[in-house]
């Protein structure tokens, strides 16, 4: 079928056809801030009953998150998906979650930000406000960006997204356009070529 039909296979398998799927895909490691999302998850049970918070992957902090959220009916954990299925997995979400601890600003760039943009979905970012990622999301209206501890704002932003199909669609289009304009493979390779040429000639 169409790309959209293929991408819904995961939703059908888990009964998420009518849910708002907020996905964290990838490693949940020591660089990732989890306290804010754990607090928000508990509040979405009543604030946004149709939300499914889906963690796909593994990592050092996954067990901690699983323990905290074990009894919540709106949280789901899936193992790493095959690389060949990655684009379908990402496209099965309505929005993507990117998490970063404030103290690793400038040291870690979450690659999942770029795959989320490539999938044409809004990004909800919890992390330092002074990093490029946060600035890009705000400036280009690619989703929502807030700091660790801004749980009220995160809860409200996701509730708004789940209720506003037009916002979701338009923000997803902007995300995909932003990816194509700035991070598509030919552009990235050209940038690397420029950096290497400059390094070689200096």
N, C-alpha and C. Protein backbone atom coordinates (compact mmCIF):
# COMPACT_ATOMS: atom_id res chain seq x y z
N UNK A 1 0.81 -1.20 0.00
CA UNK A 1 0.00 0.00 0.00
C UNK A 1 0.85 1.25 0.00
N UNK A 2 0.25 2.37 0.33
CA UNK A 2 0.96 3.64 0.36
C UNK A 2 1.91 3.67 1.55
N UNK A 3 2.80 4.68 1.55
CA UNK A 3 3.74 4.83 2.67
C UNK A 3 2.99 4.97 3.98
N UNK A 4 1.87 5.74 3.96
CA UNK A 4 1.10 5.94 5.19
C UNK A 4 0.50 4.64 5.68
N UNK A 5 0.01 3.80 4.73
CA UNK A 5 -0.56 2.51 5.12
C UNK A 5 0.50 1.60 5.72
N UNK A 6 1.69 1.58 5.10
CA UNK A 6 2.78 0.76 5.61
C UNK A 6 3.17 1.22 7.01
N UNK A 7 3.22 2.55 7.19
CA UNK A 7 3.67 3.08 8.48
C UNK A 7 2.69 2.77 9.60
N UNK A 8 1.45 2.45 9.25
CA UNK A 8 0.46 2.20 10.29
C UNK A 8 0.47 0.74 10.77
N UNK A 9 1.32 -0.09 10.17
CA UNK A 9 1.36 -1.51 10.56
C UNK A 9 1.67 -1.65 12.06
N UNK A 10 2.62 -0.87 12.55
CA UNK A 10 2.97 -0.91 13.97
C UNK A 10 1.80 -0.46 14.84
N UNK A 11 1.09 0.56 14.38
CA UNK A 11 -0.07 1.06 15.13
C UNK A 11 -1.16 -0.01 15.20
N UNK A 12 -1.40 -0.68 14.08
CA UNK A 12 -2.42 -1.72 14.04
C UNK A 12 -2.03 -2.88 14.96
N UNK A 13 -0.75 -3.25 14.90
CA UNK A 13 -0.26 -4.39 15.70
C UNK A 13 -0.48 -4.16 17.19
N UNK A 14 -0.40 -2.90 17.62
CA UNK A 14 -0.53 -2.59 19.05
C UNK A 14 -1.87 -1.93 19.40
N UNK A 15 -2.76 -1.81 18.43
CA UNK A 15 -4.07 -1.22 18.70
C UNK A 15 -4.03 0.27 18.93
N UNK A 16 -3.11 0.96 18.23
CA UNK A 16 -2.94 2.41 18.44
C UNK A 16 -3.58 3.25 17.34
N UNK A 17 -4.47 2.67 16.54
CA UNK A 17 -5.02 3.42 15.39
C UNK A 17 -5.65 4.74 15.81
N UNK A 18 -6.31 4.74 16.97
CA UNK A 18 -7.00 5.95 17.42
C UNK A 18 -6.23 6.70 18.51
N UNK A 19 -4.99 6.31 18.74
CA UNK A 19 -4.20 6.96 19.78
C UNK A 19 -3.34 8.06 19.17
N UNK A 20 -2.93 9.00 20.03
CA UNK A 20 -1.91 9.98 19.66
C UNK A 20 -0.59 9.39 20.12
N UNK A 21 0.27 9.01 19.18
CA UNK A 21 1.51 8.30 19.51
C UNK A 21 2.68 9.29 19.60
N UNK A 22 3.20 9.46 20.82
CA UNK A 22 4.40 10.25 21.06
C UNK A 22 5.54 9.26 21.29
N UNK A 23 6.54 9.28 20.41
CA UNK A 23 7.56 8.23 20.40
C UNK A 23 8.94 8.76 20.78
N UNK A 24 9.62 7.97 21.61
CA UNK A 24 11.05 8.16 21.84
C UNK A 24 11.74 6.97 21.21
N UNK A 25 12.48 7.20 20.14
CA UNK A 25 13.11 6.10 19.41
C UNK A 25 14.62 6.22 19.53
N UNK A 26 15.26 5.15 20.02
CA UNK A 26 16.72 5.15 20.11
C UNK A 26 17.20 4.87 21.52
N UNK A 27 18.48 5.11 21.73
CA UNK A 27 19.09 4.83 23.03
C UNK A 27 18.65 5.85 24.08
N UNK A 28 18.28 5.35 25.24
CA UNK A 28 17.96 6.20 26.38
C UNK A 28 19.14 6.08 27.33
N UNK A 29 20.12 6.97 27.15
CA UNK A 29 21.39 6.83 27.85
C UNK A 29 21.61 7.87 28.93
N UNK A 30 22.82 7.93 29.42
CA UNK A 30 23.16 8.80 30.54
C UNK A 30 23.06 10.29 30.17
N UNK A 31 23.13 10.60 28.88
CA UNK A 31 23.05 12.01 28.45
C UNK A 31 21.60 12.50 28.35
N UNK A 32 20.64 11.60 28.57
CA UNK A 32 19.24 11.96 28.32
C UNK A 32 18.48 12.23 29.61
N UNK A 33 17.72 13.31 29.60
CA UNK A 33 16.95 13.76 30.76
C UNK A 33 15.63 12.99 30.80
N UNK A 34 15.34 12.29 31.89
CA UNK A 34 14.14 11.46 31.92
C UNK A 34 13.12 11.88 32.98
N UNK A 35 13.52 12.69 33.96
CA UNK A 35 12.61 13.02 35.07
C UNK A 35 11.36 13.76 34.58
N UNK A 36 11.56 14.73 33.68
CA UNK A 36 10.44 15.54 33.21
C UNK A 36 9.42 14.68 32.47
N UNK A 37 9.90 13.80 31.60
CA UNK A 37 8.98 12.97 30.82
C UNK A 37 8.26 11.96 31.71
N UNK A 38 8.94 11.49 32.75
CA UNK A 38 8.29 10.55 33.68
C UNK A 38 7.14 11.23 34.43
N UNK A 39 7.36 12.47 34.86
CA UNK A 39 6.29 13.22 35.54
C UNK A 39 5.14 13.50 34.57
N UNK A 40 5.48 13.90 33.34
CA UNK A 40 4.45 14.22 32.35
C UNK A 40 3.61 12.99 32.02
N UNK A 41 4.27 11.83 31.90
CA UNK A 41 3.56 10.60 31.51
C UNK A 41 2.43 10.29 32.48
N UNK A 42 2.68 10.44 33.77
CA UNK A 42 1.65 10.17 34.77
C UNK A 42 0.47 11.12 34.63
N UNK A 43 0.76 12.37 34.26
CA UNK A 43 -0.31 13.36 34.15
C UNK A 43 -1.13 13.21 32.87
N UNK A 44 -0.49 12.67 31.82
CA UNK A 44 -1.23 12.49 30.57
C UNK A 44 -2.31 11.41 30.67
N UNK A 45 -2.20 10.52 31.67
CA UNK A 45 -3.22 9.48 31.83
C UNK A 45 -4.61 10.11 31.90
N UNK A 46 -4.73 11.21 32.66
CA UNK A 46 -6.03 11.90 32.75
C UNK A 46 -6.12 13.09 31.79
N UNK A 47 -4.98 13.79 31.57
CA UNK A 47 -5.01 15.01 30.75
C UNK A 47 -5.16 14.71 29.27
N UNK A 48 -4.72 13.52 28.84
CA UNK A 48 -4.78 13.17 27.42
C UNK A 48 -4.92 11.64 27.30
N UNK A 49 -6.12 11.12 27.59
CA UNK A 49 -6.31 9.67 27.67
C UNK A 49 -5.95 8.91 26.38
N UNK A 50 -6.02 9.58 25.22
CA UNK A 50 -5.73 8.85 23.98
C UNK A 50 -4.24 8.83 23.63
N UNK A 51 -3.42 9.43 24.49
CA UNK A 51 -1.98 9.45 24.22
C UNK A 51 -1.35 8.09 24.52
N UNK A 52 -0.49 7.64 23.62
CA UNK A 52 0.37 6.48 23.85
C UNK A 52 1.81 6.97 23.81
N UNK A 53 2.50 6.87 24.94
CA UNK A 53 3.92 7.24 25.01
C UNK A 53 4.72 5.97 24.76
N UNK A 54 5.44 5.95 23.64
CA UNK A 54 6.10 4.72 23.19
C UNK A 54 7.62 4.90 23.19
N UNK A 55 8.32 4.05 23.94
CA UNK A 55 9.78 4.03 23.94
C UNK A 55 10.24 2.86 23.08
N UNK A 56 11.05 3.15 22.07
CA UNK A 56 11.57 2.11 21.19
C UNK A 56 13.09 2.08 21.34
N UNK A 57 13.64 0.95 21.82
CA UNK A 57 15.10 0.85 21.94
C UNK A 57 15.53 0.41 23.32
N UNK A 58 16.80 0.71 23.65
CA UNK A 58 17.37 0.31 24.93
C UNK A 58 18.15 1.45 25.54
N UNK A 59 19.16 1.11 26.35
CA UNK A 59 20.01 2.14 26.92
C UNK A 59 20.11 2.06 28.43
N UNK A 60 21.10 2.78 28.96
CA UNK A 60 21.44 2.70 30.38
C UNK A 60 20.34 3.20 31.31
N UNK A 61 19.49 4.11 30.81
CA UNK A 61 18.45 4.67 31.69
C UNK A 61 17.06 4.07 31.43
N UNK A 62 17.01 3.11 30.52
CA UNK A 62 15.71 2.53 30.17
C UNK A 62 15.08 1.81 31.36
N UNK A 63 15.89 1.05 32.11
CA UNK A 63 15.36 0.29 33.24
C UNK A 63 14.76 1.22 34.30
N UNK A 64 15.44 2.34 34.54
CA UNK A 64 14.95 3.34 35.50
C UNK A 64 13.58 3.88 35.05
N UNK A 65 13.44 4.17 33.78
CA UNK A 65 12.18 4.69 33.24
C UNK A 65 11.11 3.61 33.30
N UNK A 66 11.47 2.38 32.97
CA UNK A 66 10.49 1.28 33.03
C UNK A 66 9.97 1.10 34.45
N UNK A 67 10.86 1.19 35.44
CA UNK A 67 10.44 1.04 36.84
C UNK A 67 9.47 2.15 37.23
N UNK A 68 9.81 3.39 36.84
CA UNK A 68 8.98 4.55 37.22
C UNK A 68 7.60 4.50 36.57
N UNK A 69 7.54 4.00 35.33
CA UNK A 69 6.31 4.09 34.54
C UNK A 69 5.59 2.75 34.38
N UNK A 70 6.05 1.76 35.13
CA UNK A 70 5.56 0.38 34.95
C UNK A 70 4.04 0.25 35.04
N UNK A 71 3.43 1.03 35.92
CA UNK A 71 1.99 0.85 36.17
C UNK A 71 1.09 1.78 35.36
N UNK A 72 1.68 2.55 34.45
CA UNK A 72 0.87 3.49 33.68
C UNK A 72 0.31 2.81 32.43
N UNK A 73 -1.00 2.97 32.19
CA UNK A 73 -1.62 2.27 31.05
C UNK A 73 -1.30 2.90 29.69
N UNK A 74 -0.70 4.11 29.70
CA UNK A 74 -0.47 4.83 28.45
C UNK A 74 0.98 4.75 27.96
N UNK A 75 1.80 3.93 28.63
CA UNK A 75 3.23 3.85 28.28
C UNK A 75 3.55 2.45 27.76
N UNK A 76 4.32 2.41 26.66
CA UNK A 76 4.65 1.15 26.01
C UNK A 76 6.15 1.11 25.72
N UNK A 77 6.75 -0.07 25.85
CA UNK A 77 8.18 -0.25 25.59
C UNK A 77 8.35 -1.30 24.50
N UNK A 78 9.07 -0.95 23.46
CA UNK A 78 9.36 -1.88 22.37
C UNK A 78 10.88 -2.03 22.24
N UNK A 79 11.35 -3.21 21.84
CA UNK A 79 12.79 -3.37 21.63
C UNK A 79 13.25 -2.60 20.39
N UNK A 80 14.56 -2.50 20.21
CA UNK A 80 15.11 -1.90 18.99
C UNK A 80 14.46 -2.57 17.79
N UNK A 81 14.07 -1.76 16.81
CA UNK A 81 13.48 -2.29 15.58
C UNK A 81 14.59 -2.48 14.54
N UNK A 82 14.43 -3.42 13.60
CA UNK A 82 15.45 -3.61 12.56
C UNK A 82 15.68 -2.31 11.79
N UNK A 83 16.94 -2.08 11.38
CA UNK A 83 17.26 -0.84 10.66
C UNK A 83 16.42 -0.69 9.40
N UNK A 84 16.11 -1.82 8.77
CA UNK A 84 15.32 -1.78 7.54
C UNK A 84 13.89 -1.27 7.79
N UNK A 85 13.47 -1.35 9.07
CA UNK A 85 12.11 -0.92 9.44
C UNK A 85 12.08 0.48 10.07
N UNK A 86 13.26 1.12 10.16
CA UNK A 86 13.34 2.36 10.94
C UNK A 86 12.41 3.45 10.41
N UNK A 87 12.40 3.66 9.10
CA UNK A 87 11.57 4.75 8.56
C UNK A 87 10.09 4.48 8.82
N UNK A 88 9.67 3.20 8.72
CA UNK A 88 8.26 2.88 9.01
C UNK A 88 7.94 3.06 10.49
N UNK A 89 8.90 2.68 11.35
CA UNK A 89 8.70 2.85 12.80
C UNK A 89 8.53 4.33 13.13
N UNK A 90 9.44 5.17 12.61
CA UNK A 90 9.38 6.61 12.90
C UNK A 90 8.10 7.23 12.35
N UNK A 91 7.68 6.78 11.18
CA UNK A 91 6.48 7.34 10.56
C UNK A 91 5.20 6.89 11.24
N UNK A 92 5.29 5.86 12.09
CA UNK A 92 4.09 5.39 12.79
C UNK A 92 3.74 6.28 13.98
N UNK A 93 4.64 7.20 14.33
CA UNK A 93 4.39 8.15 15.43
C UNK A 93 3.68 9.39 14.90
N UNK A 94 2.96 10.07 15.78
CA UNK A 94 2.38 11.38 15.45
C UNK A 94 3.35 12.50 15.76
N UNK A 95 4.24 12.26 16.73
CA UNK A 95 5.25 13.25 17.11
C UNK A 95 6.39 12.51 17.79
N UNK A 96 7.55 13.15 17.81
CA UNK A 96 8.74 12.52 18.40
C UNK A 96 9.27 13.31 19.57
N UNK A 97 9.86 12.57 20.50
CA UNK A 97 10.40 13.11 21.73
C UNK A 97 11.92 13.05 21.66
N UNK A 98 12.57 14.18 22.00
CA UNK A 98 14.03 14.22 22.07
C UNK A 98 14.39 14.78 23.44
N UNK A 99 15.29 14.09 24.15
CA UNK A 99 15.64 14.44 25.53
C UNK A 99 17.14 14.66 25.65
N UNK A 100 17.54 15.68 26.42
CA UNK A 100 18.95 15.95 26.61
C UNK A 100 19.17 16.63 27.97
N UNK A 101 20.14 16.15 28.73
CA UNK A 101 20.46 16.80 30.01
C UNK A 101 21.18 18.11 29.75
N UNK A 102 20.92 19.11 30.60
CA UNK A 102 21.47 20.44 30.37
C UNK A 102 23.00 20.45 30.39
N UNK A 103 23.59 19.62 31.24
CA UNK A 103 25.05 19.69 31.39
C UNK A 103 25.82 19.10 30.21
N UNK A 104 25.12 18.43 29.27
CA UNK A 104 25.84 17.87 28.11
C UNK A 104 25.67 18.74 26.86
N UNK A 105 25.10 19.92 27.04
CA UNK A 105 24.94 20.87 25.93
C UNK A 105 26.32 21.14 25.30
N UNK A 106 26.41 21.00 23.99
CA UNK A 106 27.66 21.22 23.28
C UNK A 106 28.53 19.99 23.18
N UNK A 107 28.23 18.97 23.99
CA UNK A 107 29.00 17.72 23.95
C UNK A 107 28.27 16.62 23.19
N UNK A 108 26.95 16.66 23.25
CA UNK A 108 26.13 15.61 22.63
C UNK A 108 25.09 16.27 21.73
N UNK A 109 24.97 15.75 20.51
CA UNK A 109 23.91 16.19 19.60
C UNK A 109 23.03 14.96 19.33
N UNK A 110 21.77 14.99 19.75
CA UNK A 110 20.92 13.80 19.58
C UNK A 110 20.59 13.57 18.10
N UNK A 111 21.12 12.47 17.54
CA UNK A 111 20.89 12.18 16.12
C UNK A 111 19.41 11.92 15.84
N UNK A 112 18.65 11.50 16.89
CA UNK A 112 17.23 11.21 16.67
C UNK A 112 16.45 12.46 16.26
N UNK A 113 16.98 13.65 16.56
CA UNK A 113 16.34 14.90 16.11
C UNK A 113 16.22 14.91 14.59
N UNK A 114 17.28 14.50 13.90
CA UNK A 114 17.31 14.56 12.44
C UNK A 114 16.42 13.48 11.82
N UNK A 115 16.40 12.30 12.44
CA UNK A 115 15.52 11.26 11.91
C UNK A 115 14.05 11.61 12.15
N UNK A 116 13.76 12.31 13.26
CA UNK A 116 12.39 12.77 13.53
C UNK A 116 11.96 13.78 12.47
N UNK A 117 12.85 14.74 12.17
CA UNK A 117 12.54 15.72 11.12
C UNK A 117 12.33 15.03 9.78
N UNK A 118 13.21 14.06 9.47
CA UNK A 118 13.12 13.35 8.19
C UNK A 118 11.78 12.62 8.05
N UNK A 119 11.23 12.17 9.19
CA UNK A 119 9.95 11.45 9.14
C UNK A 119 8.76 12.40 8.98
N UNK A 120 9.04 13.72 9.02
CA UNK A 120 7.97 14.70 8.83
C UNK A 120 7.02 14.76 10.01
N UNK A 121 7.58 14.70 11.22
CA UNK A 121 6.76 14.76 12.43
C UNK A 121 7.26 15.89 13.34
N UNK A 122 6.37 16.52 14.10
CA UNK A 122 6.81 17.52 15.08
C UNK A 122 7.72 16.90 16.13
N UNK A 123 8.59 17.75 16.68
CA UNK A 123 9.54 17.31 17.71
C UNK A 123 9.22 18.01 19.03
N UNK A 124 9.15 17.23 20.10
CA UNK A 124 9.02 17.76 21.46
C UNK A 124 10.37 17.55 22.14
N UNK A 125 11.04 18.65 22.44
CA UNK A 125 12.40 18.59 22.97
C UNK A 125 12.44 19.06 24.41
N UNK A 126 12.99 18.23 25.29
CA UNK A 126 13.25 18.62 26.68
C UNK A 126 14.76 18.65 26.84
N UNK A 127 15.31 19.86 27.04
CA UNK A 127 16.76 19.98 27.15
C UNK A 127 17.17 21.44 27.31
N UNK A 128 18.46 21.71 27.18
CA UNK A 128 18.96 23.08 27.38
C UNK A 128 18.38 24.04 26.34
N UNK A 129 18.06 25.24 26.80
CA UNK A 129 17.44 26.23 25.90
C UNK A 129 18.48 26.95 25.05
N UNK A 130 19.76 26.82 25.39
CA UNK A 130 20.80 27.56 24.68
C UNK A 130 21.53 26.71 23.64
N UNK A 131 20.93 25.58 23.22
CA UNK A 131 21.56 24.76 22.19
C UNK A 131 20.88 25.00 20.84
N UNK A 132 21.58 24.66 19.77
CA UNK A 132 21.06 24.90 18.42
C UNK A 132 19.72 24.22 18.19
N UNK A 133 19.61 23.03 18.72
CA UNK A 133 18.40 22.24 18.52
C UNK A 133 17.16 22.98 19.06
N UNK A 134 17.28 23.49 20.27
CA UNK A 134 16.18 24.23 20.88
C UNK A 134 15.87 25.49 20.08
N UNK A 135 16.91 26.19 19.67
CA UNK A 135 16.72 27.43 18.89
C UNK A 135 16.05 27.14 17.55
N UNK A 136 16.48 26.07 16.88
CA UNK A 136 15.88 25.72 15.59
C UNK A 136 14.40 25.39 15.72
N UNK A 137 14.05 24.63 16.76
CA UNK A 137 12.65 24.24 16.96
C UNK A 137 11.79 25.49 17.15
N UNK A 138 12.27 26.43 17.96
CA UNK A 138 11.49 27.65 18.22
C UNK A 138 11.42 28.55 16.98
N UNK A 139 12.58 28.80 16.39
CA UNK A 139 12.66 29.75 15.28
C UNK A 139 11.86 29.27 14.07
N UNK A 140 11.93 27.98 13.78
CA UNK A 140 11.30 27.45 12.56
C UNK A 140 9.99 26.73 12.85
N UNK A 141 9.52 26.79 14.10
CA UNK A 141 8.23 26.20 14.50
C UNK A 141 8.14 24.73 14.10
N UNK A 142 9.08 23.94 14.64
CA UNK A 142 9.17 22.52 14.31
C UNK A 142 8.53 21.65 15.38
N UNK A 143 7.94 22.27 16.39
CA UNK A 143 7.33 21.52 17.49
C UNK A 143 7.34 22.34 18.75
N UNK A 144 7.94 21.79 19.80
CA UNK A 144 7.98 22.46 21.10
C UNK A 144 9.33 22.20 21.75
N UNK A 145 9.88 23.21 22.40
CA UNK A 145 11.15 23.05 23.12
C UNK A 145 11.03 23.67 24.50
N UNK A 146 11.40 22.91 25.51
CA UNK A 146 11.37 23.39 26.89
C UNK A 146 12.52 22.82 27.69
N UNK A 147 12.72 23.36 28.87
CA UNK A 147 13.83 22.93 29.72
C UNK A 147 13.39 21.82 30.66
N UNK A 148 14.35 21.03 31.14
CA UNK A 148 14.02 20.03 32.17
C UNK A 148 13.30 20.70 33.35
N UNK A 149 12.24 20.06 33.81
CA UNK A 149 11.44 20.61 34.90
C UNK A 149 10.23 21.40 34.45
N UNK A 150 10.15 21.74 33.16
CA UNK A 150 8.98 22.48 32.65
C UNK A 150 7.87 21.50 32.27
N UNK A 151 7.45 20.74 33.29
CA UNK A 151 6.48 19.67 33.06
C UNK A 151 5.12 20.21 32.67
N UNK A 152 4.66 21.27 33.34
CA UNK A 152 3.35 21.86 33.01
C UNK A 152 3.28 22.22 31.54
N UNK A 153 4.34 22.87 31.06
CA UNK A 153 4.37 23.33 29.67
C UNK A 153 4.40 22.15 28.70
N UNK A 154 5.17 21.12 29.02
CA UNK A 154 5.24 19.93 28.16
C UNK A 154 3.89 19.23 28.10
N UNK A 155 3.27 19.04 29.25
CA UNK A 155 1.96 18.39 29.30
C UNK A 155 0.97 19.15 28.42
N UNK A 156 0.92 20.47 28.59
CA UNK A 156 -0.03 21.30 27.83
C UNK A 156 0.26 21.27 26.34
N UNK A 157 1.54 21.31 25.96
CA UNK A 157 1.92 21.33 24.55
C UNK A 157 1.51 20.04 23.85
N UNK A 158 1.68 18.92 24.52
CA UNK A 158 1.32 17.63 23.92
C UNK A 158 -0.20 17.49 23.84
N UNK A 159 -0.91 17.93 24.87
CA UNK A 159 -2.38 17.91 24.84
C UNK A 159 -2.88 18.74 23.64
N UNK A 160 -2.30 19.92 23.45
CA UNK A 160 -2.66 20.78 22.31
C UNK A 160 -2.42 20.05 20.99
N UNK A 161 -1.25 19.41 20.87
CA UNK A 161 -0.91 18.71 19.63
C UNK A 161 -1.88 17.58 19.34
N UNK A 162 -2.27 16.86 20.39
CA UNK A 162 -3.17 15.71 20.22
C UNK A 162 -4.56 16.15 19.77
N UNK A 163 -4.92 17.41 20.08
CA UNK A 163 -6.26 17.91 19.76
C UNK A 163 -6.30 18.73 18.47
N UNK A 164 -5.13 19.07 17.93
CA UNK A 164 -5.07 19.98 16.78
C UNK A 164 -4.46 19.29 15.57
N UNK A 165 -5.30 18.62 14.79
CA UNK A 165 -4.81 17.87 13.62
C UNK A 165 -4.13 18.78 12.60
N UNK A 166 -4.66 19.98 12.42
CA UNK A 166 -4.07 20.91 11.45
C UNK A 166 -2.68 21.35 11.88
N UNK A 167 -2.52 21.68 13.17
CA UNK A 167 -1.21 22.06 13.70
C UNK A 167 -0.21 20.93 13.49
N UNK A 168 -0.66 19.72 13.78
CA UNK A 168 0.19 18.54 13.65
C UNK A 168 0.66 18.38 12.21
N UNK A 169 -0.26 18.51 11.28
CA UNK A 169 0.05 18.34 9.86
C UNK A 169 1.01 19.42 9.37
N UNK A 170 0.70 20.68 9.69
CA UNK A 170 1.51 21.79 9.21
C UNK A 170 2.91 21.78 9.83
N UNK A 171 2.99 21.44 11.11
CA UNK A 171 4.29 21.38 11.79
C UNK A 171 5.13 20.24 11.22
N UNK A 172 4.49 19.12 10.93
CA UNK A 172 5.19 17.99 10.30
C UNK A 172 5.74 18.36 8.93
N UNK A 173 4.98 19.10 8.14
CA UNK A 173 5.46 19.56 6.83
C UNK A 173 6.67 20.47 6.98
N UNK A 174 6.60 21.39 7.96
CA UNK A 174 7.75 22.29 8.20
C UNK A 174 8.99 21.50 8.61
N UNK A 175 8.79 20.48 9.44
CA UNK A 175 9.91 19.65 9.91
C UNK A 175 10.59 18.97 8.72
N UNK A 176 9.79 18.40 7.83
CA UNK A 176 10.36 17.71 6.66
C UNK A 176 11.07 18.71 5.74
N UNK A 177 10.46 19.86 5.52
CA UNK A 177 11.08 20.89 4.67
C UNK A 177 12.41 21.37 5.27
N UNK A 178 12.41 21.56 6.58
CA UNK A 178 13.62 22.01 7.28
C UNK A 178 14.73 20.97 7.12
N UNK A 179 14.36 19.69 7.26
CA UNK A 179 15.34 18.62 7.07
C UNK A 179 15.91 18.65 5.65
N UNK A 180 15.04 18.77 4.66
CA UNK A 180 15.50 18.75 3.26
C UNK A 180 16.38 19.95 2.94
N UNK A 181 16.08 21.08 3.56
CA UNK A 181 16.85 22.31 3.28
C UNK A 181 18.21 22.31 3.97
N UNK A 182 18.33 21.63 5.10
CA UNK A 182 19.54 21.76 5.91
C UNK A 182 20.34 20.47 6.12
N UNK A 183 19.68 19.32 6.11
CA UNK A 183 20.36 18.10 6.57
C UNK A 183 20.29 16.92 5.62
N UNK A 184 19.68 17.08 4.45
CA UNK A 184 19.60 15.97 3.51
C UNK A 184 21.02 15.52 3.14
N UNK A 185 21.19 14.25 2.80
CA UNK A 185 22.53 13.67 2.64
C UNK A 185 23.45 14.46 1.69
N UNK A 186 23.00 14.85 0.49
CA UNK A 186 23.91 15.60 -0.39
C UNK A 186 24.42 16.90 0.25
N UNK A 187 23.56 17.58 1.00
CA UNK A 187 23.97 18.82 1.69
C UNK A 187 25.00 18.51 2.77
N UNK A 188 24.72 17.47 3.55
CA UNK A 188 25.62 17.11 4.65
C UNK A 188 26.99 16.71 4.11
N UNK A 189 27.00 15.93 3.02
CA UNK A 189 28.27 15.49 2.44
C UNK A 189 29.06 16.68 1.88
N UNK A 190 28.33 17.62 1.27
CA UNK A 190 29.00 18.81 0.74
C UNK A 190 29.64 19.62 1.86
N UNK A 191 28.93 19.71 3.01
CA UNK A 191 29.49 20.43 4.17
C UNK A 191 30.76 19.76 4.67
N UNK A 192 30.69 18.43 4.80
CA UNK A 192 31.86 17.68 5.26
C UNK A 192 33.03 17.87 4.29
N UNK A 193 32.73 17.84 2.98
CA UNK A 193 33.78 18.02 1.98
C UNK A 193 34.46 19.38 2.18
N UNK A 194 33.63 20.41 2.41
CA UNK A 194 34.16 21.75 2.64
C UNK A 194 35.05 21.84 3.86
N UNK A 195 34.61 21.18 4.95
CA UNK A 195 35.38 21.18 6.20
C UNK A 195 36.72 20.47 5.99
N UNK A 196 36.68 19.31 5.31
CA UNK A 196 37.91 18.53 5.08
C UNK A 196 38.89 19.27 4.16
N UNK A 197 38.32 19.92 3.13
CA UNK A 197 39.18 20.67 2.20
C UNK A 197 39.86 21.84 2.92
N UNK A 198 39.08 22.53 3.77
CA UNK A 198 39.64 23.65 4.54
C UNK A 198 40.74 23.16 5.49
N UNK A 199 40.49 21.99 6.13
CA UNK A 199 41.48 21.44 7.06
C UNK A 199 42.76 21.03 6.33
N UNK A 200 42.58 20.46 5.14
CA UNK A 200 43.75 20.00 4.36
C UNK A 200 44.59 21.17 3.85
N UNK A 201 43.92 22.28 3.53
CA UNK A 201 44.65 23.41 2.94
C UNK A 201 45.24 24.35 3.99
N UNK A 202 44.84 24.17 5.26
CA UNK A 202 45.37 25.06 6.31
C UNK A 202 46.67 24.54 6.87
